[in-house]
């Protein structure tokens, strides 16, 4: 059965979508079957996958609200060689419409249940807010991958996220846990970054990935070209870091079996 990982952080601008797209493409490059579900109405993961969010035929809205069959919603033509459930501004309305439904928190879990066995990993790119879309992601996920910058306010945001995960686990998904904490946009020359990094390792131990994602201009440029970094510039430090992260996640998953 495929592993479902929500990529979440209630603080914006921490590299959440960048991590989702680049990790997915890196794992796809190892001949694993990957699905990305874009639940952020901004549609950044959709655009970064080379899919035009303005002209896409179906989105997560159709999957969650209209219960459109999965094979009619999934987009298999992405630049990262993974499958995609796209998102755009329409998905904002999904949250409002779902309020009318019974068992609204598990709409996503029920929608992907028939296809979980078809994928090795399913990544859900969450909105940077705690709303019904995020709750659906947490209810559907086995675990949460938390990207974060090594700065003071990021630590405060992480504390809030942990509290949210614990509360959601008690209500909608008892098995939900932290998959790992990923240090992003890291600058080893910055003393505060190194101090926060050490605090993370002290508090979360092996949950903190050994791989560190550096601050890298190629990672920032790649989405505007509709490509993951490994296809935009495979020699960049950012692309190499996400390939290393993919290897680390594969090793962890194999040890857990």
C-alpha atoms as a PDB file:
ATOM      1  CA  UNK A   1       0.000   0.000   0.000  1.00  0.00           C
ATOM      2  CA  UNK A   2       1.299   3.437  -0.910  1.00  0.00           C
ATOM      3  CA  UNK A   3       2.541   5.712   1.842  1.00  0.00           C
ATOM      4  CA  UNK A   4       0.580   8.964   2.130  1.00  0.00           C
ATOM      5  CA  UNK A   5       2.584  11.929   3.395  1.00  0.00           C
ATOM      6  CA  UNK A   6       1.129  15.386   4.017  1.00  0.00           C
ATOM      7  CA  UNK A   7       3.660  18.182   3.553  1.00  0.00           C
ATOM      8  CA  UNK A   8       2.558  20.864   5.955  1.00  0.00           C
ATOM      9  CA  UNK A   9       3.550  23.904   7.922  1.00  0.00           C
ATOM     10  CA  UNK A  10       1.185  26.581   9.173  1.00  0.00           C
ATOM     11  CA  UNK A  11       3.871  29.154   8.436  1.00  0.00           C
ATOM     12  CA  UNK A  12       4.103  30.165   4.774  1.00  0.00           C
ATOM     13  CA  UNK A  13       7.283  30.595   2.765  1.00  0.00           C
ATOM     14  CA  UNK A  14       9.166  27.663   4.259  1.00  0.00           C
ATOM     15  CA  UNK A  15       9.638  25.656   1.050  1.00  0.00           C
ATOM     16  CA  UNK A  16       6.575  23.452   1.402  1.00  0.00           C
ATOM     17  CA  UNK A  17       5.596  23.355  -2.276  1.00  0.00           C
ATOM     18  CA  UNK A  18       9.237  23.317  -3.372  1.00  0.00           C
ATOM     19  CA  UNK A  19       9.738  20.231  -1.209  1.00  0.00           C
ATOM     20  CA  UNK A  20       6.590  18.529  -2.494  1.00  0.00           C
ATOM     21  CA  UNK A  21       7.432  18.944  -6.173  1.00  0.00           C
ATOM     22  CA  UNK A  22      11.162  18.246  -5.969  1.00  0.00           C
ATOM     23  CA  UNK A  23      10.858  15.279  -3.638  1.00  0.00           C
ATOM     24  CA  UNK A  24       8.153  13.790  -5.863  1.00  0.00           C
ATOM     25  CA  UNK A  25      10.238  14.167  -9.022  1.00  0.00           C
ATOM     26  CA  UNK A  26      13.352  12.804  -7.306  1.00  0.00           C
ATOM     27  CA  UNK A  27      11.480   9.695  -6.153  1.00  0.00           C
ATOM     28  CA  UNK A  28       9.882   9.312  -9.581  1.00  0.00           C
ATOM     29  CA  UNK A  29      13.390   9.300 -11.053  1.00  0.00           C
ATOM     30  CA  UNK A  30      14.080   6.135  -9.020  1.00  0.00           C
ATOM     31  CA  UNK A  31      11.264   4.397 -10.948  1.00  0.00           C
ATOM     32  CA  UNK A  32       8.741   4.689  -8.146  1.00  0.00           C
ATOM     33  CA  UNK A  33       5.118   5.556  -8.849  1.00  0.00           C
ATOM     34  CA  UNK A  34       4.296   8.915  -7.296  1.00  0.00           C
ATOM     35  CA  UNK A  35       1.125  10.969  -6.903  1.00  0.00           C
ATOM     36  CA  UNK A  36       1.061  14.631  -5.886  1.00  0.00           C
ATOM     37  CA  UNK A  37      -2.215  16.086  -4.591  1.00  0.00           C
ATOM     38  CA  UNK A  38      -2.241  19.880  -4.680  1.00  0.00           C
ATOM     39  CA  UNK A  39      -4.679  21.079  -2.004  1.00  0.00           C
ATOM     40  CA  UNK A  40      -3.449  24.673  -1.951  1.00  0.00           C
ATOM     41  CA  UNK A  41      -5.853  26.944  -3.895  1.00  0.00           C
ATOM     42  CA  UNK A  42      -2.848  28.989  -5.014  1.00  0.00           C
ATOM     43  CA  UNK A  43      -2.011  26.052  -7.295  1.00  0.00           C
ATOM     44  CA  UNK A  44       1.741  26.526  -7.008  1.00  0.00           C
ATOM     45  CA  UNK A  45       2.519  22.807  -7.045  1.00  0.00           C
ATOM     46  CA  UNK A  46       0.332  22.490 -10.144  1.00  0.00           C
ATOM     47  CA  UNK A  47       2.190  25.223 -12.023  1.00  0.00           C
ATOM     48  CA  UNK A  48       5.581  23.921 -10.853  1.00  0.00           C
ATOM     49  CA  UNK A  49       4.609  20.549 -12.369  1.00  0.00           C
ATOM     50  CA  UNK A  50       4.189  22.136 -15.802  1.00  0.00           C
ATOM     51  CA  UNK A  51       0.370  22.082 -15.644  1.00  0.00           C
ATOM     52  CA  UNK A  52      -1.539  25.295 -16.381  1.00  0.00           C
ATOM     53  CA  UNK A  53      -3.836  25.814 -13.401  1.00  0.00           C
ATOM     54  CA  UNK A  54      -5.999  28.205 -15.437  1.00  0.00           C
ATOM     55  CA  UNK A  55      -6.811  25.664 -18.139  1.00  0.00           C
ATOM     56  CA  UNK A  56      -6.790  22.377 -16.256  1.00  0.00           C
ATOM     57  CA  UNK A  57      -9.851  20.217 -16.934  1.00  0.00           C
ATOM     58  CA  UNK A  58     -10.361  18.906 -13.392  1.00  0.00           C
ATOM     59  CA  UNK A  59      -9.011  19.757  -9.950  1.00  0.00           C
ATOM     60  CA  UNK A  60      -9.148  18.624  -6.347  1.00  0.00           C
ATOM     61  CA  UNK A  61     -12.535  20.378  -6.221  1.00  0.00           C
ATOM     62  CA  UNK A  62     -14.004  17.802  -8.604  1.00  0.00           C
ATOM     63  CA  UNK A  63     -12.532  14.975  -6.546  1.00  0.00           C
ATOM     64  CA  UNK A  64     -13.670  16.280  -3.149  1.00  0.00           C
ATOM     65  CA  UNK A  65     -17.010  17.908  -3.948  1.00  0.00           C
ATOM     66  CA  UNK A  66     -18.386  16.267  -7.089  1.00  0.00           C
ATOM     67  CA  UNK A  67     -16.839  12.851  -6.336  1.00  0.00           C
ATOM     68  CA  UNK A  68     -15.580  12.645  -9.902  1.00  0.00           C
ATOM     69  CA  UNK A  69     -13.815   9.306 -10.542  1.00  0.00           C
ATOM     70  CA  UNK A  70     -10.099   9.449  -9.805  1.00  0.00           C
ATOM     71  CA  UNK A  71      -9.020   8.531 -13.333  1.00  0.00           C
ATOM     72  CA  UNK A  72     -10.964  11.535 -14.673  1.00  0.00           C
ATOM     73  CA  UNK A  73      -9.269  13.939 -12.262  1.00  0.00           C
ATOM     74  CA  UNK A  74      -5.663  12.734 -12.310  1.00  0.00           C
ATOM     75  CA  UNK A  75      -3.182  14.440 -14.648  1.00  0.00           C
ATOM     76  CA  UNK A  76      -0.438  12.154 -15.914  1.00  0.00           C
ATOM     77  CA  UNK A  77       1.384  14.728 -18.060  1.00  0.00           C
ATOM     78  CA  UNK A  78       3.672  16.494 -15.605  1.00  0.00           C
ATOM     79  CA  UNK A  79       7.246  17.632 -16.106  1.00  0.00           C
ATOM     80  CA  UNK A  80       8.275  15.704 -12.985  1.00  0.00           C
ATOM     81  CA  UNK A  81       7.046  12.322 -14.283  1.00  0.00           C
ATOM     82  CA  UNK A  82       4.582  11.879 -11.427  1.00  0.00           C
ATOM     83  CA  UNK A  83       0.777  11.925 -11.418  1.00  0.00           C
ATOM     84  CA  UNK A  84      -0.999  15.060 -10.204  1.00  0.00           C
ATOM     85  CA  UNK A  85      -4.334  16.107  -8.782  1.00  0.00           C
ATOM     86  CA  UNK A  86      -4.292  19.780  -9.747  1.00  0.00           C
ATOM     87  CA  UNK A  87      -5.500  22.822  -7.856  1.00  0.00           C
ATOM     88  CA  UNK A  88      -6.561  26.369  -8.610  1.00  0.00           C
ATOM     89  CA  UNK A  89      -8.782  29.052  -7.078  1.00  0.00           C
ATOM     90  CA  UNK A  90     -11.814  26.770  -7.486  1.00  0.00           C
ATOM     91  CA  UNK A  91     -10.494  24.649  -4.621  1.00  0.00           C
ATOM     92  CA  UNK A  92     -11.225  27.526  -2.236  1.00  0.00           C
ATOM     93  CA  UNK A  93     -14.917  26.872  -2.863  1.00  0.00           C
ATOM     94  CA  UNK A  94     -14.442  23.191  -2.035  1.00  0.00           C
ATOM     95  CA  UNK A  95     -13.976  24.055   1.611  1.00  0.00           C
ATOM     96  CA  UNK A  96     -17.292  25.913   1.675  1.00  0.00           C
ATOM     97  CA  UNK A  97     -19.176  23.192  -0.196  1.00  0.00           C
ATOM     98  CA  UNK A  98     -17.788  20.417   2.000  1.00  0.00           C
ATOM     99  CA  UNK A  99     -19.300  22.041   5.056  1.00  0.00           C
ATOM    100  CA  UNK A 100     -22.637  20.737   3.778  1.00  0.00           C
ATOM    101  CA  UNK A 101     -21.471  17.117   3.724  1.00  0.00           C
ATOM    102  CA  UNK A 102     -21.536  14.377   6.312  1.00  0.00           C
ATOM    103  CA  UNK A 103     -18.050  13.028   7.184  1.00  0.00           C
ATOM    104  CA  UNK A 104     -16.527  16.038   5.431  1.00  0.00           C
ATOM    105  CA  UNK A 105     -13.152  15.514   7.151  1.00  0.00           C
ATOM    106  CA  UNK A 106     -12.520  12.203   5.354  1.00  0.00           C
ATOM    107  CA  UNK A 107     -13.576  13.094   1.790  1.00  0.00           C
ATOM    108  CA  UNK A 108      -9.988  12.929   0.541  1.00  0.00           C
ATOM    109  CA  UNK A 109      -9.170   9.719   2.393  1.00  0.00           C
ATOM    110  CA  UNK A 110     -12.199   8.010   0.866  1.00  0.00           C
ATOM    111  CA  UNK A 111     -11.432   9.392  -2.610  1.00  0.00           C
ATOM    112  CA  UNK A 112      -7.880   8.021  -2.778  1.00  0.00           C
ATOM    113  CA  UNK A 113      -8.523   4.738  -0.939  1.00  0.00           C
ATOM    114  CA  UNK A 114      -9.182   2.772  -4.180  1.00  0.00           C
ATOM    115  CA  UNK A 115      -5.871   3.868  -5.763  1.00  0.00           C
ATOM    116  CA  UNK A 116      -3.463   3.804  -2.816  1.00  0.00           C
ATOM    117  CA  UNK A 117      -2.033   0.469  -3.914  1.00  0.00           C
ATOM    118  CA  UNK A 118      -1.151   1.914  -7.321  1.00  0.00           C
ATOM    119  CA  UNK A 119       1.437   4.297  -5.853  1.00  0.00           C
ATOM    120  CA  UNK A 120       4.610   3.978  -3.799  1.00  0.00           C
ATOM    121  CA  UNK A 121       4.219   7.463  -2.331  1.00  0.00           C
ATOM    122  CA  UNK A 122       1.392   9.992  -2.307  1.00  0.00           C
ATOM    123  CA  UNK A 123       2.339  13.544  -1.320  1.00  0.00           C
ATOM    124  CA  UNK A 124      -0.262  16.130  -0.320  1.00  0.00           C
ATOM    125  CA  UNK A 125       0.725  19.787  -0.611  1.00  0.00           C
ATOM    126  CA  UNK A 126      -1.293  21.495   2.138  1.00  0.00           C
ATOM    127  CA  UNK A 127      -2.412  25.114   2.366  1.00  0.00           C
ATOM    128  CA  UNK A 128      -0.397  27.221   4.859  1.00  0.00           C
ATOM    129  CA  UNK A 129      -3.471  27.519   7.096  1.00  0.00           C
ATOM    130  CA  UNK A 130      -5.460  25.163   9.276  1.00  0.00           C
ATOM    131  CA  UNK A 131      -8.716  24.770   7.361  1.00  0.00           C
ATOM    132  CA  UNK A 132     -10.952  21.941   6.180  1.00  0.00           C
ATOM    133  CA  UNK A 133      -8.605  21.200   3.276  1.00  0.00           C
ATOM    134  CA  UNK A 134      -5.679  20.744   5.666  1.00  0.00           C
ATOM    135  CA  UNK A 135      -7.833  18.597   7.956  1.00  0.00           C
ATOM    136  CA  UNK A 136      -8.722  16.406   4.968  1.00  0.00           C
ATOM    137  CA  UNK A 137      -5.024  16.037   4.187  1.00  0.00           C
ATOM    138  CA  UNK A 138      -4.205  15.072   7.769  1.00  0.00           C
ATOM    139  CA  UNK A 139      -7.089  12.599   7.891  1.00  0.00           C
ATOM    140  CA  UNK A 140      -5.872  10.945   4.677  1.00  0.00           C
ATOM    141  CA  UNK A 141      -2.165  10.891   5.554  1.00  0.00           C
ATOM    142  CA  UNK A 142      -0.092   8.309   7.353  1.00  0.00           C
ATOM    143  CA  UNK A 143       2.351  10.981   8.447  1.00  0.00           C
ATOM    144  CA  UNK A 144       3.396  14.630   8.140  1.00  0.00           C
ATOM    145  CA  UNK A 145       6.640  15.932   6.654  1.00  0.00           C
ATOM    146  CA  UNK A 146       7.441  19.370   8.060  1.00  0.00           C
ATOM    147  CA  UNK A 147       9.715  21.699   6.048  1.00  0.00           C
ATOM    148  CA  UNK A 148      11.015  24.608   8.085  1.00  0.00           C
ATOM    149  CA  UNK A 149      13.613  27.334   8.001  1.00  0.00           C
ATOM    150  CA  UNK A 150      16.086  27.448  10.838  1.00  0.00           C
ATOM    151  CA  UNK A 151      14.993  30.747  12.336  1.00  0.00           C
ATOM    152  CA  UNK A 152      13.378  31.812  15.600  1.00  0.00           C
ATOM    153  CA  UNK A 153       9.818  32.360  14.379  1.00  0.00           C
ATOM    154  CA  UNK A 154       9.887  29.026  12.551  1.00  0.00           C
ATOM    155  CA  UNK A 155      10.340  27.291  15.897  1.00  0.00           C
ATOM    156  CA  UNK A 156       7.215  29.003  17.215  1.00  0.00           C
ATOM    157  CA  UNK A 157       5.305  27.871  14.115  1.00  0.00           C
ATOM    158  CA  UNK A 158       6.548  24.327  14.590  1.00  0.00           C
ATOM    159  CA  UNK A 159       5.228  24.266  18.146  1.00  0.00           C
ATOM    160  CA  UNK A 160       1.800  25.334  16.882  1.00  0.00           C
ATOM    161  CA  UNK A 161       1.882  22.672  14.154  1.00  0.00           C
ATOM    162  CA  UNK A 162       2.739  19.931  16.647  1.00  0.00           C
ATOM    163  CA  UNK A 163      -0.223  20.978  18.756  1.00  0.00           C
ATOM    164  CA  UNK A 164      -2.459  20.860  15.671  1.00  0.00           C
ATOM    165  CA  UNK A 165      -1.220  17.396  14.669  1.00  0.00           C
ATOM    166  CA  UNK A 166      -1.825  16.047  18.173  1.00  0.00           C
ATOM    167  CA  UNK A 167      -5.366  17.425  18.218  1.00  0.00           C
ATOM    168  CA  UNK A 168      -6.178  16.070  14.763  1.00  0.00           C
ATOM    169  CA  UNK A 169      -4.745  12.676  15.653  1.00  0.00           C
ATOM    170  CA  UNK A 170      -7.156  12.538  18.574  1.00  0.00           C
ATOM    171  CA  UNK A 171     -10.153  13.367  16.402  1.00  0.00           C
ATOM    172  CA  UNK A 172      -9.738  12.223  12.778  1.00  0.00           C
ATOM    173  CA  UNK A 173      -6.631  10.035  12.469  1.00  0.00           C
ATOM    174  CA  UNK A 174      -5.239   8.203  15.476  1.00  0.00           C
ATOM    175  CA  UNK A 175      -2.233   6.903  13.501  1.00  0.00           C
ATOM    176  CA  UNK A 176      -1.028  10.335  12.332  1.00  0.00           C
ATOM    177  CA  UNK A 177       2.575  11.071  13.254  1.00  0.00           C
ATOM    178  CA  UNK A 178       5.570  13.148  12.232  1.00  0.00           C
ATOM    179  CA  UNK A 179       7.376  11.598   9.279  1.00  0.00           C
ATOM    180  CA  UNK A 180      10.290  13.963   9.555  1.00  0.00           C
ATOM    181  CA  UNK A 181      11.477  17.540   9.930  1.00  0.00           C
ATOM    182  CA  UNK A 182      13.304  19.010   6.942  1.00  0.00           C
ATOM    183  CA  UNK A 183      15.617  21.994   7.250  1.00  0.00           C
ATOM    184  CA  UNK A 184      15.116  24.226   4.201  1.00  0.00           C
ATOM    185  CA  UNK A 185      16.732  27.384   2.789  1.00  0.00           C
ATOM    186  CA  UNK A 186      19.663  26.617   5.053  1.00  0.00           C
ATOM    187  CA  UNK A 187      22.706  28.894   5.231  1.00  0.00           C
ATOM    188  CA  UNK A 188      25.507  27.303   7.221  1.00  0.00           C
ATOM    189  CA  UNK A 189      27.239  30.701   7.527  1.00  0.00           C
ATOM    190  CA  UNK A 190      24.355  31.978   9.635  1.00  0.00           C
ATOM    191  CA  UNK A 191      24.943  31.419  13.363  1.00  0.00           C
ATOM    192  CA  UNK A 192      21.218  31.468  14.203  1.00  0.00           C
ATOM    193  CA  UNK A 193      20.531  28.836  11.539  1.00  0.00           C
ATOM    194  CA  UNK A 194      23.098  26.531  13.109  1.00  0.00           C
ATOM    195  CA  UNK A 195      21.759  27.148  16.617  1.00  0.00           C
ATOM    196  CA  UNK A 196      18.166  26.388  15.597  1.00  0.00           C
ATOM    197  CA  UNK A 197      19.363  23.334  13.687  1.00  0.00           C
ATOM    198  CA  UNK A 198      20.991  21.988  16.839  1.00  0.00           C
ATOM    199  CA  UNK A 199      17.829  22.677  18.857  1.00  0.00           C
ATOM    200  CA  UNK A 200      15.798  20.709  16.310  1.00  0.00           C
ATOM    201  CA  UNK A 201      18.138  17.736  16.509  1.00  0.00           C
ATOM    202  CA  UNK A 202      18.058  17.844  20.304  1.00  0.00           C
ATOM    203  CA  UNK A 203      14.263  17.949  20.428  1.00  0.00           C
ATOM    204  CA  UNK A 204      13.318  15.683  17.498  1.00  0.00           C
ATOM    205  CA  UNK A 205      16.372  13.447  17.257  1.00  0.00           C
ATOM    206  CA  UNK A 206      16.210  11.026  14.320  1.00  0.00           C
ATOM    207  CA  UNK A 207      13.023  12.685  13.049  1.00  0.00           C
ATOM    208  CA  UNK A 208      15.247  15.453  11.650  1.00  0.00           C
ATOM    209  CA  UNK A 209      16.473  14.436   8.204  1.00  0.00           C
ATOM    210  CA  UNK A 210      20.214  14.328   7.750  1.00  0.00           C
ATOM    211  CA  UNK A 211      19.706  15.963   4.378  1.00  0.00           C
ATOM    212  CA  UNK A 212      19.639  19.766   4.514  1.00  0.00           C
ATOM    213  CA  UNK A 213      18.164  21.826   1.673  1.00  0.00           C
ATOM    214  CA  UNK A 214      20.405  24.823   0.976  1.00  0.00           C
ATOM    215  CA  UNK A 215      19.291  28.270  -0.060  1.00  0.00           C
ATOM    216  CA  UNK A 216      19.632  27.950  -3.833  1.00  0.00           C
ATOM    217  CA  UNK A 217      18.648  30.270  -6.674  1.00  0.00           C
ATOM    218  CA  UNK A 218      17.954  27.380  -9.066  1.00  0.00           C
ATOM    219  CA  UNK A 219      15.314  25.994  -6.701  1.00  0.00           C
ATOM    220  CA  UNK A 220      13.657  29.403  -6.691  1.00  0.00           C
ATOM    221  CA  UNK A 221      13.811  29.759 -10.490  1.00  0.00           C
ATOM    222  CA  UNK A 222      12.601  26.288 -11.464  1.00  0.00           C
ATOM    223  CA  UNK A 223       8.849  26.762 -10.717  1.00  0.00           C
ATOM    224  CA  UNK A 224       8.614  29.748 -13.084  1.00  0.00           C
ATOM    225  CA  UNK A 225       9.763  27.381 -15.838  1.00  0.00           C
ATOM    226  CA  UNK A 226       7.190  24.746 -14.831  1.00  0.00           C
ATOM    227  CA  UNK A 227       9.870  22.231 -13.905  1.00  0.00           C
ATOM    228  CA  UNK A 228      11.275  20.556 -10.806  1.00  0.00           C
ATOM    229  CA  UNK A 229      14.875  21.581 -10.142  1.00  0.00           C
ATOM    230  CA  UNK A 230      16.344  18.264 -11.289  1.00  0.00           C
ATOM    231  CA  UNK A 231      15.054  18.929 -14.809  1.00  0.00           C
ATOM    232  CA  UNK A 232      15.723  22.657 -14.761  1.00  0.00           C
ATOM    233  CA  UNK A 233      19.326  22.281 -13.553  1.00  0.00           C
ATOM    234  CA  UNK A 234      20.323  18.824 -12.332  1.00  0.00           C
ATOM    235  CA  UNK A 235      23.783  20.080 -11.324  1.00  0.00           C
ATOM    236  CA  UNK A 236      22.411  22.625  -8.844  1.00  0.00           C
ATOM    237  CA  UNK A 237      22.935  22.122  -5.128  1.00  0.00           C
ATOM    238  CA  UNK A 238      19.159  22.230  -4.600  1.00  0.00           C
ATOM    239  CA  UNK A 239      18.473  19.438  -7.089  1.00  0.00           C
ATOM    240  CA  UNK A 240      21.213  17.283  -5.568  1.00  0.00           C
ATOM    241  CA  UNK A 241      19.865  17.883  -2.063  1.00  0.00           C
ATOM    242  CA  UNK A 242      16.361  16.677  -2.968  1.00  0.00           C
ATOM    243  CA  UNK A 243      17.800  13.584  -4.639  1.00  0.00           C
ATOM    244  CA  UNK A 244      19.670  12.898  -1.401  1.00  0.00           C
ATOM    245  CA  UNK A 245      16.449  13.416   0.563  1.00  0.00           C
ATOM    246  CA  UNK A 246      14.655  10.949  -1.704  1.00  0.00           C
ATOM    247  CA  UNK A 247      17.337   8.368  -0.952  1.00  0.00           C
ATOM    248  CA  UNK A 248      16.991   9.009   2.768  1.00  0.00           C
ATOM    249  CA  UNK A 249      13.209   8.596   2.644  1.00  0.00           C
ATOM    250  CA  UNK A 250      13.515   5.346   0.687  1.00  0.00           C
ATOM    251  CA  UNK A 251      15.951   3.951   3.256  1.00  0.00           C
ATOM    252  CA  UNK A 252      13.695   4.963   6.143  1.00  0.00           C
ATOM    253  CA  UNK A 253      10.645   3.416   4.486  1.00  0.00           C
ATOM    254  CA  UNK A 254      12.453   0.140   3.845  1.00  0.00           C
ATOM    255  CA  UNK A 255      13.578  -0.006   7.498  1.00  0.00           C
ATOM    256  CA  UNK A 256       9.987   0.493   8.654  1.00  0.00           C
ATOM    257  CA  UNK A 257       8.661  -2.482   6.670  1.00  0.00           C
END
